[in-house]
Amino acid sequence: MSEIKVSHRLDTKGLYCPEPVMMLHTQIDDLAAGDILEVLATDPSTKRDIPKFCAFLGHELLEQGEKESIYYYLIQKG
């Protein structure tokens, strides 16, 4: 993972669609514009769902990747 300063973390490991995106939607609403949220997930569908979520709602997906079967996303609230 990069050296981006994360403001908040959301751990959705073990949860499956649609729960990770539902939890992301709830948490990102509570953040201030510009805050950076790190999301951790094990559901492969998040590789499709989270980028679409960001594009649709105007948030910036700064980084995404996979490490040791954990998907991670760094999202800056728009």
N, C-alpha and C. Protein backbone atom coordinates (compact mmCIF):
# COMPACT_ATOMS: atom_id res chain seq x y z
N MET A 1 0.84 -1.19 0.00
CA MET A 1 0.00 0.00 0.00
C MET A 1 0.88 1.24 0.00
N SER A 2 0.30 2.32 -0.42
CA SER A 2 1.07 3.55 -0.59
C SER A 2 1.23 4.31 0.73
N GLU A 3 1.82 5.48 0.62
CA GLU A 3 2.07 6.33 1.79
C GLU A 3 1.01 7.42 1.95
N ILE A 4 -0.13 7.23 1.35
CA ILE A 4 -1.23 8.20 1.47
C ILE A 4 -1.74 8.17 2.92
N LYS A 5 -1.98 9.35 3.49
CA LYS A 5 -2.44 9.44 4.88
C LYS A 5 -3.93 9.12 4.96
N VAL A 6 -4.23 8.01 5.58
CA VAL A 6 -5.60 7.53 5.71
C VAL A 6 -6.26 8.19 6.91
N SER A 7 -7.47 8.72 6.71
CA SER A 7 -8.23 9.36 7.79
C SER A 7 -9.09 8.35 8.55
N HIS A 8 -9.64 7.37 7.82
CA HIS A 8 -10.59 6.42 8.40
C HIS A 8 -10.40 5.06 7.74
N ARG A 9 -10.80 4.01 8.44
CA ARG A 9 -10.71 2.65 7.91
C ARG A 9 -12.06 1.95 8.01
N LEU A 10 -12.34 1.12 7.02
CA LEU A 10 -13.55 0.31 7.02
C LEU A 10 -13.15 -1.12 6.69
N ASP A 11 -13.37 -2.02 7.62
CA ASP A 11 -13.01 -3.43 7.45
C ASP A 11 -14.27 -4.22 7.11
N THR A 12 -14.35 -4.69 5.87
CA THR A 12 -15.50 -5.49 5.44
C THR A 12 -15.10 -6.93 5.14
N LYS A 13 -13.95 -7.33 5.65
CA LYS A 13 -13.48 -8.69 5.39
C LYS A 13 -14.52 -9.70 5.90
N GLY A 14 -14.77 -10.73 5.08
CA GLY A 14 -15.73 -11.76 5.44
C GLY A 14 -17.15 -11.47 5.01
N LEU A 15 -17.41 -10.26 4.54
CA LEU A 15 -18.75 -9.89 4.09
C LEU A 15 -18.84 -10.00 2.58
N TYR A 16 -20.05 -10.23 2.09
CA TYR A 16 -20.27 -10.41 0.66
C TYR A 16 -21.30 -9.42 0.14
N CYS A 17 -21.24 -9.21 -1.15
CA CYS A 17 -22.13 -8.29 -1.86
C CYS A 17 -23.57 -8.52 -1.41
N PRO A 18 -24.26 -7.46 -1.08
CA PRO A 18 -23.96 -6.04 -1.24
C PRO A 18 -23.42 -5.36 0.02
N GLU A 19 -23.15 -6.12 1.08
CA GLU A 19 -22.79 -5.52 2.36
C GLU A 19 -21.58 -4.58 2.32
N PRO A 20 -20.45 -4.94 1.66
CA PRO A 20 -19.31 -4.00 1.67
C PRO A 20 -19.65 -2.62 1.11
N VAL A 21 -20.41 -2.59 0.01
CA VAL A 21 -20.75 -1.29 -0.59
C VAL A 21 -21.79 -0.56 0.26
N MET A 22 -22.70 -1.28 0.86
CA MET A 22 -23.67 -0.64 1.75
C MET A 22 -22.96 0.01 2.95
N MET A 23 -22.00 -0.71 3.52
CA MET A 23 -21.24 -0.15 4.64
C MET A 23 -20.39 1.04 4.20
N LEU A 24 -19.81 0.94 3.00
CA LEU A 24 -19.03 2.05 2.45
C LEU A 24 -19.91 3.28 2.30
N HIS A 25 -21.10 3.09 1.76
CA HIS A 25 -22.02 4.22 1.55
C HIS A 25 -22.35 4.89 2.88
N THR A 26 -22.61 4.11 3.90
CA THR A 26 -22.94 4.65 5.23
C THR A 26 -21.76 5.40 5.83
N GLN A 27 -20.57 4.81 5.74
CA GLN A 27 -19.41 5.45 6.38
C GLN A 27 -18.97 6.71 5.63
N ILE A 28 -18.99 6.68 4.31
CA ILE A 28 -18.48 7.83 3.55
C ILE A 28 -19.38 9.05 3.75
N ASP A 29 -20.66 8.81 4.02
CA ASP A 29 -21.57 9.93 4.30
C ASP A 29 -21.14 10.70 5.54
N ASP A 30 -20.50 10.03 6.49
CA ASP A 30 -20.09 10.66 7.74
C ASP A 30 -18.75 11.40 7.65
N LEU A 31 -18.06 11.28 6.51
CA LEU A 31 -16.74 11.90 6.36
C LEU A 31 -16.86 13.30 5.79
N ALA A 32 -15.81 14.09 6.00
CA ALA A 32 -15.72 15.42 5.41
C ALA A 32 -15.12 15.30 4.02
N ALA A 33 -15.45 16.23 3.15
CA ALA A 33 -14.88 16.25 1.81
C ALA A 33 -13.36 16.28 1.92
N GLY A 34 -12.69 15.44 1.15
CA GLY A 34 -11.23 15.37 1.17
C GLY A 34 -10.67 14.30 2.08
N ASP A 35 -11.49 13.80 3.02
CA ASP A 35 -11.03 12.71 3.89
C ASP A 35 -10.72 11.47 3.05
N ILE A 36 -9.80 10.67 3.53
CA ILE A 36 -9.41 9.46 2.82
C ILE A 36 -9.80 8.25 3.65
N LEU A 37 -10.53 7.36 3.01
CA LEU A 37 -11.04 6.15 3.64
C LEU A 37 -10.34 4.94 3.03
N GLU A 38 -9.81 4.08 3.89
CA GLU A 38 -9.25 2.81 3.44
C GLU A 38 -10.31 1.74 3.67
N VAL A 39 -10.60 0.96 2.62
CA VAL A 39 -11.56 -0.13 2.72
C VAL A 39 -10.79 -1.44 2.51
N LEU A 40 -11.02 -2.39 3.41
CA LEU A 40 -10.44 -3.73 3.29
C LEU A 40 -11.58 -4.70 3.04
N ALA A 41 -11.38 -5.63 2.09
CA ALA A 41 -12.44 -6.56 1.74
C ALA A 41 -11.86 -7.89 1.29
N THR A 42 -12.69 -8.92 1.37
CA THR A 42 -12.31 -10.23 0.85
C THR A 42 -13.21 -10.65 -0.30
N ASP A 43 -14.27 -9.94 -0.54
CA ASP A 43 -15.22 -10.26 -1.61
C ASP A 43 -14.67 -9.76 -2.95
N PRO A 44 -14.41 -10.67 -3.91
CA PRO A 44 -13.88 -10.26 -5.21
C PRO A 44 -14.80 -9.30 -5.97
N SER A 45 -16.09 -9.31 -5.69
CA SER A 45 -16.99 -8.40 -6.41
C SER A 45 -16.71 -6.94 -6.08
N THR A 46 -15.98 -6.68 -4.99
CA THR A 46 -15.64 -5.28 -4.67
C THR A 46 -14.71 -4.68 -5.72
N LYS A 47 -13.97 -5.54 -6.45
CA LYS A 47 -13.09 -5.02 -7.51
C LYS A 47 -13.91 -4.34 -8.60
N ARG A 48 -15.14 -4.74 -8.77
CA ARG A 48 -16.04 -4.13 -9.73
C ARG A 48 -16.89 -3.05 -9.06
N ASP A 49 -17.43 -3.38 -7.89
CA ASP A 49 -18.43 -2.53 -7.25
C ASP A 49 -17.88 -1.22 -6.70
N ILE A 50 -16.71 -1.27 -6.07
CA ILE A 50 -16.19 -0.05 -5.44
C ILE A 50 -15.76 0.99 -6.47
N PRO A 51 -15.06 0.63 -7.55
CA PRO A 51 -14.77 1.66 -8.57
C PRO A 51 -16.04 2.27 -9.16
N LYS A 52 -17.08 1.45 -9.39
CA LYS A 52 -18.34 1.99 -9.92
C LYS A 52 -19.00 2.92 -8.91
N PHE A 53 -18.97 2.55 -7.64
CA PHE A 53 -19.52 3.38 -6.57
C PHE A 53 -18.85 4.75 -6.58
N CYS A 54 -17.52 4.75 -6.66
CA CYS A 54 -16.77 6.02 -6.64
C CYS A 54 -17.10 6.88 -7.86
N ALA A 55 -17.11 6.27 -9.03
CA ALA A 55 -17.40 7.02 -10.26
C ALA A 55 -18.81 7.60 -10.24
N PHE A 56 -19.76 6.82 -9.78
CA PHE A 56 -21.16 7.25 -9.77
C PHE A 56 -21.41 8.37 -8.77
N LEU A 57 -20.75 8.32 -7.63
CA LEU A 57 -21.02 9.29 -6.57
C LEU A 57 -19.98 10.42 -6.47
N GLY A 58 -19.00 10.42 -7.35
CA GLY A 58 -18.05 11.54 -7.40
C GLY A 58 -16.92 11.48 -6.39
N HIS A 59 -16.59 10.29 -5.92
CA HIS A 59 -15.45 10.12 -5.03
C HIS A 59 -14.27 9.65 -5.85
N GLU A 60 -13.06 9.93 -5.38
CA GLU A 60 -11.87 9.56 -6.14
C GLU A 60 -11.25 8.28 -5.57
N LEU A 61 -11.13 7.30 -6.44
CA LEU A 61 -10.45 6.06 -6.06
C LEU A 61 -8.97 6.30 -6.28
N LEU A 62 -8.25 6.55 -5.19
CA LEU A 62 -6.83 6.90 -5.27
C LEU A 62 -5.96 5.70 -5.57
N GLU A 63 -6.36 4.55 -5.01
CA GLU A 63 -5.53 3.36 -5.16
C GLU A 63 -6.39 2.14 -4.87
N GLN A 64 -6.07 1.05 -5.56
CA GLN A 64 -6.69 -0.22 -5.23
C GLN A 64 -5.69 -1.33 -5.52
N GLY A 65 -5.81 -2.42 -4.80
CA GLY A 65 -4.89 -3.52 -5.01
C GLY A 65 -5.30 -4.72 -4.19
N GLU A 66 -4.44 -5.72 -4.22
CA GLU A 66 -4.69 -6.95 -3.49
C GLU A 66 -3.39 -7.40 -2.85
N LYS A 67 -3.47 -7.78 -1.59
CA LYS A 67 -2.30 -8.27 -0.87
C LYS A 67 -2.76 -9.39 0.04
N GLU A 68 -2.18 -10.57 -0.16
CA GLU A 68 -2.50 -11.74 0.67
C GLU A 68 -4.01 -12.01 0.72
N SER A 69 -4.66 -12.01 -0.44
CA SER A 69 -6.11 -12.29 -0.58
C SER A 69 -7.01 -11.25 0.07
N ILE A 70 -6.46 -10.08 0.39
CA ILE A 70 -7.25 -8.97 0.91
C ILE A 70 -7.22 -7.86 -0.14
N TYR A 71 -8.40 -7.41 -0.56
CA TYR A 71 -8.50 -6.29 -1.48
C TYR A 71 -8.50 -5.01 -0.66
N TYR A 72 -7.78 -4.01 -1.14
CA TYR A 72 -7.79 -2.74 -0.43
C TYR A 72 -8.05 -1.60 -1.41
N TYR A 73 -8.69 -0.56 -0.90
CA TYR A 73 -9.07 0.60 -1.69
C TYR A 73 -8.82 1.84 -0.86
N LEU A 74 -8.27 2.84 -1.48
CA LEU A 74 -8.12 4.15 -0.84
C LEU A 74 -9.01 5.12 -1.61
N ILE A 75 -9.97 5.68 -0.91
CA ILE A 75 -11.00 6.51 -1.52
C ILE A 75 -10.97 7.88 -0.87
N GLN A 76 -10.93 8.92 -1.71
CA GLN A 76 -11.02 10.28 -1.20
C GLN A 76 -12.43 10.79 -1.44
N LYS A 77 -13.07 11.22 -0.37
CA LYS A 77 -14.45 11.71 -0.49
C LYS A 77 -14.49 12.96 -1.34
N GLY A 78 -15.39 12.97 -2.28
CA GLY A 78 -15.56 14.11 -3.19
C GLY A 78 -16.39 15.21 -2.57
